[in-house]
């Protein structure tokens, strides 16, 4: 089997740098318009050009999301937008609307097109039709099993690339085609502004008994019948590759840089272990890493057939075991120099998350402020500080984290 591409989210420049440092083969990001993540900071054209230059210097590809379903009034601006975006050097564009795909092929015929998961590809006929329209890759809907993917692969042109999600948030609707958010808040999920209404708590109310709310289910806190768990396929990557998936996609363009770094690092290590060392299982510490980033309880989604463990949570809250307390600036003369992000104290045990390595523990000793004065705690936001450190150099941009104390 050919080792698949690791494709990671980049909602802003900080996330982009985290994805590149921690092992992404490619990143996907959005511009200020025509993208499906309004909550992400995204990139203007100048920032996009700089992002492409940065990624390409590291040998990482950049895919631009142009996956909204545009209205008539927006289409006049699209030709200039896609020409400018292509001029920035992007490696491909991810599109969902058939009219947009057609226009991209007409306006920038040499720009590769990836058909977004928003196109709802669940069979080989649709995948082949998109290939015939000029798409080099299809991003599969999340509702397919491994067996269905293998059949799709076998019945589509061999040169067609297949991309699928392996980690991150799952939509309760069919690959994002949801009206809840717009109905409740006026924020259109299909325009990138989803309010995640599926994560809210719901109850039944009978028409003749107003204001009497009945929980749906047996949990004493109510019911979250629409609230999907997070996808995690780290232990099953070889099965996905065997089925024909050529790109493993991590969801999360609205996530912070620490999340991108942690998940990217874990999947980079898992892929390298499974496909280079030919290991039967993922290293245990990699799975532990995926528990340390903020997440909902995990599921394997539809990959092994219709979910039987209930794809929905009992609660809407995230599992979060660690907080980022600092970002490493440099290692020098036996000291670790850090920019603080959350309060920590002398004597604390922290963990260092750095690219391409298993995280390791560090006890905070000889904590000093930027003037070299001893301090008991780093308690000012974004303050510079340092601590004693003996060991291999830690690269700038590495994360310091602290286990969350149970209340």
Protein backbone atom coordinates (compact mmCIF):
# COMPACT_ATOMS: atom_id res chain seq x y z
CA UNK A 1 0.00 0.00 0.00
CA UNK A 2 1.08 3.55 -0.71
CA UNK A 3 1.28 5.66 2.44
CA UNK A 4 -1.61 8.16 2.30
CA UNK A 5 -1.28 11.90 2.59
CA UNK A 6 -1.93 13.52 5.98
CA UNK A 7 -4.15 16.57 5.36
CA UNK A 8 -4.57 19.00 8.25
CA UNK A 9 -6.70 22.09 8.97
CA UNK A 10 -5.33 25.64 9.07
CA UNK A 11 -7.83 28.24 10.21
CA UNK A 12 -5.17 30.94 10.54
CA UNK A 13 -1.41 31.47 10.25
CA UNK A 14 -0.68 30.09 13.72
CA UNK A 15 -2.57 26.88 12.93
CA UNK A 16 -0.83 26.66 9.56
CA UNK A 17 2.58 26.79 11.21
CA UNK A 18 1.52 24.18 13.76
CA UNK A 19 0.30 21.82 11.04
CA UNK A 20 3.50 22.22 9.03
CA UNK A 21 5.82 21.84 12.04
CA UNK A 22 4.03 18.78 13.37
CA UNK A 23 4.04 16.73 10.19
CA UNK A 24 1.26 17.57 7.74
CA UNK A 25 1.82 16.56 4.13
CA UNK A 26 -0.81 19.08 3.04
CA UNK A 27 -3.04 21.70 4.64
CA UNK A 28 -6.44 23.07 3.73
CA UNK A 29 -7.45 26.63 4.45
CA UNK A 30 -9.97 29.26 3.43
CA UNK A 31 -9.90 32.75 1.99
CA UNK A 32 -12.04 35.57 3.32
CA UNK A 33 -14.82 34.67 0.88
CA UNK A 34 -16.31 31.56 -0.75
CA UNK A 35 -15.22 29.29 2.14
CA UNK A 36 -17.25 27.17 4.57
CA UNK A 37 -15.80 28.29 7.90
CA UNK A 38 -16.91 31.79 8.85
CA UNK A 39 -15.68 31.26 12.44
CA UNK A 40 -12.07 30.77 11.32
CA UNK A 41 -9.88 33.82 10.78
CA UNK A 42 -9.03 32.65 7.25
CA UNK A 43 -6.60 34.36 4.84
CA UNK A 44 -6.79 37.41 2.63
CA UNK A 45 -4.95 37.19 -0.68
CA UNK A 46 -1.72 38.64 0.68
CA UNK A 47 -1.80 36.23 3.63
CA UNK A 48 -2.67 33.37 1.29
CA UNK A 49 0.37 34.08 -0.88
CA UNK A 50 2.60 34.14 2.21
CA UNK A 51 0.99 30.96 3.54
CA UNK A 52 1.66 29.11 0.29
CA UNK A 53 5.29 30.27 0.24
CA UNK A 54 5.76 29.15 3.86
CA UNK A 55 4.16 25.74 3.29
CA UNK A 56 5.93 25.08 0.00
CA UNK A 57 9.30 25.86 1.60
CA UNK A 58 8.59 22.94 3.93
CA UNK A 59 7.38 20.71 1.09
CA UNK A 60 3.74 20.94 2.20
CA UNK A 61 0.85 21.38 -0.25
CA UNK A 62 -1.92 23.95 0.17
CA UNK A 63 -5.56 23.34 -0.77
CA UNK A 64 -7.97 26.28 -0.80
CA UNK A 65 -11.57 25.72 0.29
CA UNK A 66 -14.07 27.30 -2.11
CA UNK A 67 -16.91 25.14 -0.91
CA UNK A 68 -19.86 27.45 -0.25
CA UNK A 69 -22.97 27.25 -2.38
CA UNK A 70 -22.93 30.79 -3.82
CA UNK A 71 -26.04 32.81 -4.68
CA UNK A 72 -26.51 34.58 -8.00
CA UNK A 73 -25.31 37.91 -6.64
CA UNK A 74 -21.94 36.43 -5.69
CA UNK A 75 -21.05 34.79 -8.97
CA UNK A 76 -19.93 37.97 -10.76
CA UNK A 77 -17.05 38.33 -8.28
CA UNK A 78 -15.94 34.72 -8.60
CA UNK A 79 -13.79 34.83 -11.78
CA UNK A 80 -11.47 37.52 -10.38
CA UNK A 81 -11.33 35.72 -7.03
CA UNK A 82 -10.31 32.36 -8.45
CA UNK A 83 -7.71 33.91 -10.78
CA UNK A 84 -6.15 35.78 -7.85
CA UNK A 85 -6.23 32.68 -5.67
CA UNK A 86 -4.60 30.54 -8.36
CA UNK A 87 -1.89 33.19 -8.79
CA UNK A 88 -0.98 32.68 -5.12
CA UNK A 89 0.34 29.23 -6.03
CA UNK A 90 -2.21 26.99 -4.33
CA UNK A 91 -1.95 23.31 -5.20
CA UNK A 92 -5.68 22.63 -5.52
CA UNK A 93 -9.09 24.07 -4.78
CA UNK A 94 -11.83 22.27 -2.84
CA UNK A 95 -15.26 23.01 -4.33
CA UNK A 96 -18.79 21.73 -3.81
CA UNK A 97 -21.12 23.60 -6.16
CA UNK A 98 -21.32 22.15 -9.67
CA UNK A 99 -21.49 25.60 -11.22
CA UNK A 100 -18.40 26.67 -9.29
CA UNK A 101 -16.55 23.53 -10.39
CA UNK A 102 -17.45 24.28 -14.01
CA UNK A 103 -16.30 27.89 -13.70
CA UNK A 104 -12.99 26.89 -12.11
CA UNK A 105 -12.32 24.54 -14.99
CA UNK A 106 -13.15 27.29 -17.52
CA UNK A 107 -11.28 30.15 -15.80
CA UNK A 108 -8.22 28.30 -14.42
CA UNK A 109 -8.02 25.07 -16.43
CA UNK A 110 -4.69 24.01 -14.91
CA UNK A 111 -5.83 24.35 -11.28
CA UNK A 112 -6.59 20.91 -9.76
CA UNK A 113 -10.08 20.55 -8.28
CA UNK A 114 -11.06 18.43 -5.30
CA UNK A 115 -14.80 17.76 -4.94
CA UNK A 116 -15.77 18.72 -1.39
CA UNK A 117 -17.57 16.43 1.05
CA UNK A 118 -20.45 18.88 0.54
CA UNK A 119 -21.06 17.23 -2.84
CA UNK A 120 -22.27 14.16 -0.95
CA UNK A 121 -20.25 11.48 -2.74
CA UNK A 122 -21.61 8.12 -1.55
CA UNK A 123 -21.32 6.02 -4.73
CA UNK A 124 -18.99 5.30 -7.62
CA UNK A 125 -21.32 6.84 -10.21
CA UNK A 126 -21.12 10.28 -8.62
CA UNK A 127 -17.37 9.97 -8.08
CA UNK A 128 -16.88 9.06 -11.76
CA UNK A 129 -19.16 11.89 -12.90
CA UNK A 130 -17.07 14.38 -10.92
CA UNK A 131 -13.91 12.91 -12.48
CA UNK A 132 -15.44 13.47 -15.91
CA UNK A 133 -16.17 17.08 -14.92
CA UNK A 134 -12.46 17.59 -14.22
CA UNK A 135 -12.12 16.80 -10.50
CA UNK A 136 -8.87 15.03 -9.64
CA UNK A 137 -10.05 14.07 -6.15
CA UNK A 138 -13.30 13.42 -4.30
CA UNK A 139 -13.74 13.98 -0.57
CA UNK A 140 -16.15 11.28 0.51
CA UNK A 141 -19.26 11.80 2.59
CA UNK A 142 -18.79 10.61 6.18
CA UNK A 143 -21.67 8.13 5.90
CA UNK A 144 -19.75 5.43 4.00
CA UNK A 145 -18.45 2.13 5.36
CA UNK A 146 -15.00 0.76 4.54
CA UNK A 147 -16.61 -1.89 2.32
CA UNK A 148 -18.52 0.77 0.36
CA UNK A 149 -15.33 2.78 -0.07
CA UNK A 150 -13.50 -0.27 -1.40
CA UNK A 151 -16.25 -0.86 -3.97
CA UNK A 152 -16.22 2.82 -4.97
CA UNK A 153 -12.45 2.62 -5.43
CA UNK A 154 -12.71 -0.49 -7.57
CA UNK A 155 -15.32 1.06 -9.88
CA UNK A 156 -13.80 4.50 -10.46
CA UNK A 157 -10.86 5.63 -12.63
CA UNK A 158 -7.57 4.57 -10.95
CA UNK A 159 -6.16 8.10 -11.27
CA UNK A 160 -9.01 9.57 -9.20
CA UNK A 161 -7.77 10.36 -5.71
CA UNK A 162 -9.99 9.55 -2.73
CA UNK A 163 -9.93 11.62 0.44
CA UNK A 164 -11.80 10.83 3.65
CA UNK A 165 -12.07 12.23 7.15
CA UNK A 166 -10.27 10.27 9.86
CA UNK A 167 -10.58 12.59 12.85
CA UNK A 168 -12.69 15.42 14.26
CA UNK A 169 -16.22 16.68 14.59
CA UNK A 170 -19.05 14.73 12.98
CA UNK A 171 -22.13 16.47 11.61
CA UNK A 172 -25.48 15.04 12.68
CA UNK A 173 -26.79 15.73 9.18
CA UNK A 174 -25.66 14.30 5.84
CA UNK A 175 -22.13 15.71 5.54
CA UNK A 176 -23.09 19.22 6.55
CA UNK A 177 -26.41 19.62 4.73
CA UNK A 178 -28.22 20.89 7.82
CA UNK A 179 -30.89 23.56 8.38
CA UNK A 180 -31.03 23.61 12.20
CA UNK A 181 -28.63 26.51 12.63
CA UNK A 182 -30.35 28.73 10.09
CA UNK A 183 -33.78 27.87 11.47
CA UNK A 184 -32.90 28.71 15.07
CA UNK A 185 -30.37 31.52 14.67
CA UNK A 186 -30.37 32.72 11.08
CA UNK A 187 -26.78 31.46 10.71
CA UNK A 188 -26.54 29.27 7.62
CA UNK A 189 -24.43 26.13 8.06
CA UNK A 190 -24.09 25.86 4.30
CA UNK A 191 -22.52 29.33 4.28
CA UNK A 192 -19.90 28.46 6.90
CA UNK A 193 -21.68 30.11 9.85
CA UNK A 194 -23.06 27.07 11.72
CA UNK A 195 -24.07 27.77 15.33
CA UNK A 196 -23.81 24.01 16.09
CA UNK A 197 -27.45 23.83 17.11
CA UNK A 198 -27.14 20.04 17.13
CA UNK A 199 -25.00 20.34 20.27
CA UNK A 200 -27.79 21.98 22.29
CA UNK A 201 -29.95 20.17 24.82
CA UNK A 202 -33.46 19.31 23.60
CA UNK A 203 -36.69 18.14 25.25
CA UNK A 204 -40.20 17.30 24.09
CA UNK A 205 -43.14 19.66 24.64
CA UNK A 206 -46.72 18.57 23.99
CA UNK A 207 -49.02 21.19 22.41
CA UNK A 208 -51.71 21.09 25.13
CA UNK A 209 -49.16 21.19 27.97
CA UNK A 210 -47.09 24.32 27.19
CA UNK A 211 -43.88 24.91 29.11
CA UNK A 212 -43.77 21.32 30.35
CA UNK A 213 -40.53 19.86 29.00
CA UNK A 214 -39.97 16.12 28.87
CA UNK A 215 -36.41 14.76 28.51
CA UNK A 216 -35.79 12.48 25.54
CA UNK A 217 -33.96 9.60 27.15
CA UNK A 218 -32.97 8.61 30.64
CA UNK A 219 -30.11 10.99 31.51
CA UNK A 220 -30.93 13.16 34.53
CA UNK A 221 -29.47 16.22 32.77
CA UNK A 222 -31.66 15.95 29.71
CA UNK A 223 -30.98 14.69 26.21
CA UNK A 224 -28.58 15.58 23.43
CA UNK A 225 -30.03 13.34 20.73
CA UNK A 226 -28.42 15.28 17.86
CA UNK A 227 -24.98 15.74 19.40
CA UNK A 228 -22.55 13.53 17.48
CA UNK A 229 -19.37 12.17 19.00
CA UNK A 230 -16.00 13.01 17.45
CA UNK A 231 -14.51 10.72 14.83
CA UNK A 232 -11.24 8.92 15.61
CA UNK A 233 -9.81 6.37 13.17
CA UNK A 234 -6.17 6.38 14.26
CA UNK A 235 -6.21 2.67 15.05
CA UNK A 236 -7.69 1.73 11.67
CA UNK A 237 -5.59 3.66 9.16
CA UNK A 238 -4.24 0.58 7.37
CA UNK A 239 -7.79 -0.67 6.76
CA UNK A 240 -8.73 2.71 5.29
CA UNK A 241 -5.67 2.76 3.05
CA UNK A 242 -6.35 -0.81 1.92
CA UNK A 243 -9.85 0.29 0.91
CA UNK A 244 -8.29 2.87 -1.40
CA UNK A 245 -8.18 6.14 0.53
CA UNK A 246 -5.21 8.23 -0.59
CA UNK A 247 -5.62 11.22 1.76
CA UNK A 248 -6.44 11.16 5.49
CA UNK A 249 -8.23 14.36 6.49
CA UNK A 250 -8.38 15.88 9.97
CA UNK A 251 -11.35 18.17 10.64
CA UNK A 252 -10.85 21.41 12.56
CA UNK A 253 -10.41 24.75 10.77
CA UNK A 254 -12.13 26.44 13.73
CA UNK A 255 -9.73 24.80 16.23
CA UNK A 256 -6.76 26.39 18.00
CA UNK A 257 -3.13 25.79 17.09
CA UNK A 258 -2.52 23.46 20.05
CA UNK A 259 -5.31 21.16 18.87
CA UNK A 260 -3.90 21.15 15.35
CA UNK A 261 -0.41 20.42 16.65
CA UNK A 262 -1.44 17.62 18.98
CA UNK A 263 -3.68 15.79 16.55
CA UNK A 264 -1.32 16.27 13.60
CA UNK A 265 1.60 14.94 15.63
CA UNK A 266 -0.39 11.90 16.77
CA UNK A 267 -1.54 10.99 13.26
CA UNK A 268 1.91 11.65 11.80
CA UNK A 269 3.39 9.19 14.30
CA UNK A 270 0.58 6.69 13.71
CA UNK A 271 0.95 6.78 9.92
CA UNK A 272 4.73 6.50 10.06
CA UNK A 273 4.55 3.59 12.49
CA UNK A 274 1.92 1.70 10.53
CA UNK A 275 3.27 2.28 7.04
CA UNK A 276 7.03 2.53 7.52
CA UNK A 277 7.61 0.13 10.39
CA UNK A 278 4.71 -2.07 9.29
CA UNK A 279 3.47 -2.34 12.86
CA UNK A 280 0.20 -4.17 13.51
CA UNK A 281 -0.96 -1.55 16.01
CA UNK A 282 -0.58 2.16 16.72
CA UNK A 283 1.85 3.01 19.55
CA UNK A 284 -0.09 3.31 22.81
CA UNK A 285 1.20 6.81 23.52
CA UNK A 286 -0.28 8.04 20.23
CA UNK A 287 -3.77 7.04 21.33
CA UNK A 288 -3.14 8.66 24.70
CA UNK A 289 -2.25 11.89 22.87
CA UNK A 290 -5.64 11.97 21.17
CA UNK A 291 -7.26 11.81 24.59
CA UNK A 292 -5.25 14.81 25.79
CA UNK A 293 -6.61 17.31 23.25
CA UNK A 294 -10.07 18.77 23.77
CA UNK A 295 -12.65 16.44 22.22
CA UNK A 296 -16.02 14.82 22.55
CA UNK A 297 -16.09 11.05 23.24
CA UNK A 298 -14.77 9.22 20.21
CA UNK A 299 -16.50 7.02 17.66
CA UNK A 300 -15.52 5.23 14.45
CA UNK A 301 -18.61 6.69 12.80
CA UNK A 302 -20.02 4.74 9.85
CA UNK A 303 -16.76 3.08 8.76
CA UNK A 304 -17.75 -0.28 10.24
CA UNK A 305 -21.39 -0.04 9.26
CA UNK A 306 -24.33 1.64 10.96
CA UNK A 307 -23.12 2.75 14.41
CA UNK A 308 -24.24 0.40 17.17
CA UNK A 309 -22.58 2.18 20.10
CA UNK A 310 -24.84 5.24 19.63
CA UNK A 311 -23.18 8.00 17.69
CA UNK A 312 -24.69 10.55 20.02
CA UNK A 313 -23.43 11.79 23.37
CA UNK A 314 -25.24 11.98 26.65
CA UNK A 315 -23.67 15.39 27.25
CA UNK A 316 -22.62 18.32 25.10
CA UNK A 317 -19.42 19.07 27.00
CA UNK A 318 -15.91 18.40 25.73
CA UNK A 319 -13.36 16.11 27.36
CA UNK A 320 -10.33 18.27 28.17
CA UNK A 321 -7.53 16.79 30.25
CA UNK A 322 -4.74 19.31 29.61
CA UNK A 323 -4.39 23.08 29.28
CA UNK A 324 -1.67 24.87 27.32
CA UNK A 325 0.37 26.98 29.75
CA UNK A 326 3.16 28.19 27.49
CA UNK A 327 4.84 28.17 24.10
CA UNK A 328 8.59 27.53 23.90
CA UNK A 329 10.66 30.38 22.46
CA UNK A 330 14.11 28.79 22.61
CA UNK A 331 16.48 26.51 24.53
CA UNK A 332 19.72 28.20 25.58
CA UNK A 333 22.44 27.78 28.22
CA UNK A 334 20.59 25.18 30.24
CA UNK A 335 17.31 27.09 30.28
CA UNK A 336 13.97 26.81 28.53
CA UNK A 337 12.54 30.18 27.50
CA UNK A 338 8.75 30.31 27.37
CA UNK A 339 5.94 32.70 26.49
CA UNK A 340 3.20 32.08 29.09
CA UNK A 341 -0.40 31.30 28.07
CA UNK A 342 -1.96 30.09 31.33
CA UNK A 343 -0.80 30.32 34.94
CA UNK A 344 1.64 27.74 36.26
CA UNK A 345 3.89 27.49 39.34
CA UNK A 346 7.39 26.51 40.34
CA UNK A 347 7.29 22.83 41.19
CA UNK A 348 4.55 22.01 38.68
CA UNK A 349 4.95 19.00 36.43
CA UNK A 350 4.36 20.00 32.82
CA UNK A 351 4.54 18.14 29.53
CA UNK A 352 6.34 19.27 26.40
CA UNK A 353 4.67 18.60 23.06
CA UNK A 354 7.18 18.90 20.24
CA UNK A 355 7.15 17.71 16.61
CA UNK A 356 7.97 14.12 15.75
CA UNK A 357 8.42 12.88 19.29
CA UNK A 358 6.60 11.34 22.21
CA UNK A 359 5.74 14.11 24.73
CA UNK A 360 7.75 14.09 27.94
CA UNK A 361 7.38 15.48 31.45
CA UNK A 362 9.30 18.41 32.91
CA UNK A 363 9.34 19.66 36.50
CA UNK A 364 9.43 23.47 36.72
CA UNK A 365 12.60 24.41 38.59
CA UNK A 366 14.34 27.75 39.08
CA UNK A 367 11.50 29.70 37.48
CA UNK A 368 12.55 33.24 36.50
CA UNK A 369 10.90 36.24 34.88
CA UNK A 370 12.33 38.00 31.82
CA UNK A 371 14.71 40.01 34.08
CA UNK A 372 16.23 36.83 35.51
CA UNK A 373 14.52 37.30 38.88
CA UNK A 374 13.22 34.23 40.73
CA UNK A 375 9.43 33.93 40.80
CA UNK A 376 7.00 31.44 42.30
CA UNK A 377 4.52 31.53 39.45
CA UNK A 378 4.07 32.67 35.87
CA UNK A 379 0.78 34.45 36.35
CA UNK A 380 0.72 37.28 33.80
CA UNK A 381 -0.75 36.70 30.37
CA UNK A 382 1.86 36.25 27.62
CA UNK A 383 4.71 37.05 30.02
CA UNK A 384 8.20 35.85 29.10
CA UNK A 385 9.83 33.53 31.60
CA UNK A 386 12.38 30.75 31.79
CA UNK A 387 13.15 27.64 33.79
CA UNK A 388 16.07 25.28 34.30
CA UNK A 389 16.27 22.58 31.64
CA UNK A 390 18.67 19.75 30.88
CA UNK A 391 18.08 17.72 27.75
CA UNK A 392 17.86 17.86 24.01
CA UNK A 393 17.01 21.25 22.54
CA UNK A 394 13.29 21.97 22.33
CA UNK A 395 12.35 23.81 19.12
CA UNK A 396 10.57 27.13 19.17
CA UNK A 397 6.84 26.73 18.87
CA UNK A 398 6.66 23.61 21.05
CA UNK A 399 3.81 23.60 23.57
CA UNK A 400 3.99 23.35 27.36
CA UNK A 401 0.86 21.87 28.88
CA UNK A 402 -0.43 21.04 32.34
CA UNK A 403 -2.86 18.36 33.44
CA UNK A 404 -6.22 19.80 34.45
CA UNK A 405 -6.91 19.21 38.11
CA UNK A 406 -10.11 17.33 38.81
CA UNK A 407 -12.64 19.35 40.77
